[in-house]
Amino acid sequence: MSPLYLVGAVLSSALFVYLVYAMLKPEDFS
């Protein structure tokens, strides 16, 4: 596993979690 692939996976996971959190708590993103 190359470091670049690992960084990409971490960023993708973080973005996915952020999007889910934004959908669950829309009042915080008005």
PDB file of N, CA and C in Angstrom:
ATOM      1  N   MET A   1       0.856  -1.204   0.000  1.00  0.00           N
ATOM      2  CA  MET A   1       0.000   0.000   0.000  1.00  0.00           C
ATOM      3  C   MET A   1       0.887   1.247   0.000  1.00  0.00           C
ATOM      4  N   SER A   2       0.699   2.099  -0.982  1.00  0.00           N
ATOM      5  CA  SER A   2       1.510   3.311  -1.060  1.00  0.00           C
ATOM      6  C   SER A   2       0.965   4.385  -0.121  1.00  0.00           C
ATOM      7  N   PRO A   3       1.850   5.249   0.375  1.00  0.00           N
ATOM      8  CA  PRO A   3       1.416   6.324   1.298  1.00  0.00           C
ATOM      9  C   PRO A   3       0.335   7.210   0.683  1.00  0.00           C
ATOM     10  N   LEU A   4       0.456   7.488  -0.624  1.00  0.00           N
ATOM     11  CA  LEU A   4      -0.516   8.363  -1.279  1.00  0.00           C
ATOM     12  C   LEU A   4      -1.907   7.745  -1.243  1.00  0.00           C
ATOM     13  N   TYR A   5      -1.978   6.428  -1.458  1.00  0.00           N
ATOM     14  CA  TYR A   5      -3.267   5.731  -1.406  1.00  0.00           C
ATOM     15  C   TYR A   5      -3.838   5.799   0.002  1.00  0.00           C
ATOM     16  N   LEU A   6      -2.974   5.668   1.003  1.00  0.00           N
ATOM     17  CA  LEU A   6      -3.422   5.710   2.397  1.00  0.00           C
ATOM     18  C   LEU A   6      -3.978   7.092   2.732  1.00  0.00           C
ATOM     19  N   VAL A   7      -3.289   8.140   2.294  1.00  0.00           N
ATOM     20  CA  VAL A   7      -3.757   9.509   2.539  1.00  0.00           C
ATOM     21  C   VAL A   7      -5.105   9.736   1.865  1.00  0.00           C
ATOM     22  N   GLY A   8      -5.244   9.251   0.642  1.00  0.00           N
ATOM     23  CA  GLY A   8      -6.501   9.409  -0.079  1.00  0.00           C
ATOM     24  C   GLY A   8      -7.644   8.704   0.632  1.00  0.00           C
ATOM     25  N   ALA A   9      -7.362   7.511   1.167  1.00  0.00           N
ATOM     26  CA  ALA A   9      -8.392   6.752   1.872  1.00  0.00           C
ATOM     27  C   ALA A   9      -8.823   7.482   3.139  1.00  0.00           C
ATOM     28  N   VAL A  10      -7.871   8.050   3.850  1.00  0.00           N
ATOM     29  CA  VAL A  10      -8.182   8.778   5.086  1.00  0.00           C
ATOM     30  C   VAL A  10      -9.016  10.021   4.773  1.00  0.00           C
ATOM     31  N   LEU A  11      -8.636  10.756   3.733  1.00  0.00           N
ATOM     32  CA  LEU A  11      -9.382  11.960   3.366  1.00  0.00           C
ATOM     33  C   LEU A  11     -10.797  11.605   2.922  1.00  0.00           C
ATOM     34  N   SER A  12     -10.934  10.538   2.167  1.00  0.00           N
ATOM     35  CA  SER A  12     -12.256  10.117   1.709  1.00  0.00           C
ATOM     36  C   SER A  12     -13.137   9.721   2.892  1.00  0.00           C
ATOM     37  N   SER A  13     -12.550   9.006   3.840  1.00  0.00           N
ATOM     38  CA  SER A  13     -13.310   8.586   5.022  1.00  0.00           C
ATOM     39  C   SER A  13     -13.734   9.802   5.836  1.00  0.00           C
ATOM     40  N   ALA A  14     -12.826  10.757   6.003  1.00  0.00           N
ATOM     41  CA  ALA A  14     -13.134  11.951   6.781  1.00  0.00           C
ATOM     42  C   ALA A  14     -14.246  12.754   6.108  1.00  0.00           C
ATOM     43  N   LEU A  15     -14.190  12.866   4.791  1.00  0.00           N
ATOM     44  CA  LEU A  15     -15.207  13.615   4.062  1.00  0.00           C
ATOM     45  C   LEU A  15     -16.562  12.927   4.173  1.00  0.00           C
ATOM     46  N   PHE A  16     -16.573  11.598   4.078  1.00  0.00           N
ATOM     47  CA  PHE A  16     -17.821  10.839   4.184  1.00  0.00           C
ATOM     48  C   PHE A  16     -18.444  11.041   5.560  1.00  0.00           C
ATOM     49  N   VAL A  17     -17.630  10.968   6.611  1.00  0.00           N
ATOM     50  CA  VAL A  17     -18.130  11.155   7.975  1.00  0.00           C
ATOM     51  C   VAL A  17     -18.683  12.570   8.140  1.00  0.00           C
ATOM     52  N   TYR A  18     -17.992  13.572   7.567  1.00  0.00           N
ATOM     53  CA  TYR A  18     -18.452  14.951   7.660  1.00  0.00           C
ATOM     54  C   TYR A  18     -19.805  15.130   6.967  1.00  0.00           C
ATOM     55  N   LEU A  19     -19.962  14.514   5.797  1.00  0.00           N
ATOM     56  CA  LEU A  19     -21.226  14.630   5.066  1.00  0.00           C
ATOM     57  C   LEU A  19     -22.361  13.970   5.831  1.00  0.00           C
ATOM     58  N   VAL A  20     -22.108  12.808   6.426  1.00  0.00           N
ATOM     59  CA  VAL A  20     -23.137  12.120   7.213  1.00  0.00           C
ATOM     60  C   VAL A  20     -23.515  12.968   8.421  1.00  0.00           C
ATOM     61  N   TYR A  21     -22.521  13.554   9.093  1.00  0.00           N
ATOM     62  CA  TYR A  21     -22.780  14.398  10.253  1.00  0.00           C
ATOM     63  C   TYR A  21     -23.601  15.622   9.845  1.00  0.00           C
ATOM     64  N   ALA A  22     -23.300  16.184   8.689  1.00  0.00           N
ATOM     65  CA  ALA A  22     -24.029  17.355   8.206  1.00  0.00           C
ATOM     66  C   ALA A  22     -25.488  17.004   7.928  1.00  0.00           C
ATOM     67  N   MET A  23     -25.737  15.800   7.424  1.00  0.00           N
ATOM     68  CA  MET A  23     -27.119  15.383   7.143  1.00  0.00           C
ATOM     69  C   MET A  23     -27.874  15.092   8.436  1.00  0.00           C
ATOM     70  N   LEU A  24     -27.175  14.572   9.439  1.00  0.00           N
ATOM     71  CA  LEU A  24     -27.833  14.240  10.701  1.00  0.00           C
ATOM     72  C   LEU A  24     -28.104  15.487  11.538  1.00  0.00           C
ATOM     73  N   LYS A  25     -27.273  16.537  11.393  1.00  0.00           N
ATOM     74  CA  LYS A  25     -27.453  17.757  12.176  1.00  0.00           C
ATOM     75  C   LYS A  25     -27.466  18.971  11.247  1.00  0.00           C
ATOM     76  N   PRO A  26     -28.527  19.109  10.427  1.00  0.00           N
ATOM     77  CA  PRO A  26     -28.583  20.207   9.454  1.00  0.00           C
ATOM     78  C   PRO A  26     -28.671  21.584  10.103  1.00  0.00           C
ATOM     79  N   GLU A  27     -29.124  21.643  11.347  1.00  0.00           N
ATOM     80  CA  GLU A  27     -29.270  22.948  11.992  1.00  0.00           C
ATOM     81  C   GLU A  27     -27.920  23.610  12.247  1.00  0.00           C
ATOM     82  N   ASP A  28     -26.852  22.808  12.233  1.00  0.00           N
ATOM     83  CA  ASP A  28     -25.521  23.357  12.467  1.00  0.00           C
ATOM     84  C   ASP A  28     -24.881  23.865  11.175  1.00  0.00           C
ATOM     85  N   PHE A  29     -25.557  23.653  10.030  1.00  0.00           N
ATOM     86  CA  PHE A  29     -24.983  24.041   8.746  1.00  0.00           C
ATOM     87  C   PHE A  29     -25.926  24.950   7.968  1.00  0.00           C
ATOM     88  N   SER A  30     -26.638  25.795   8.700  1.00  0.00           N
ATOM     89  CA  SER A  30     -27.592  26.676   8.048  1.00  0.00           C
ATOM     90  C   SER A  30     -26.869  27.870   7.420  1.00  0.00           C
TER      91      SER A  30
END
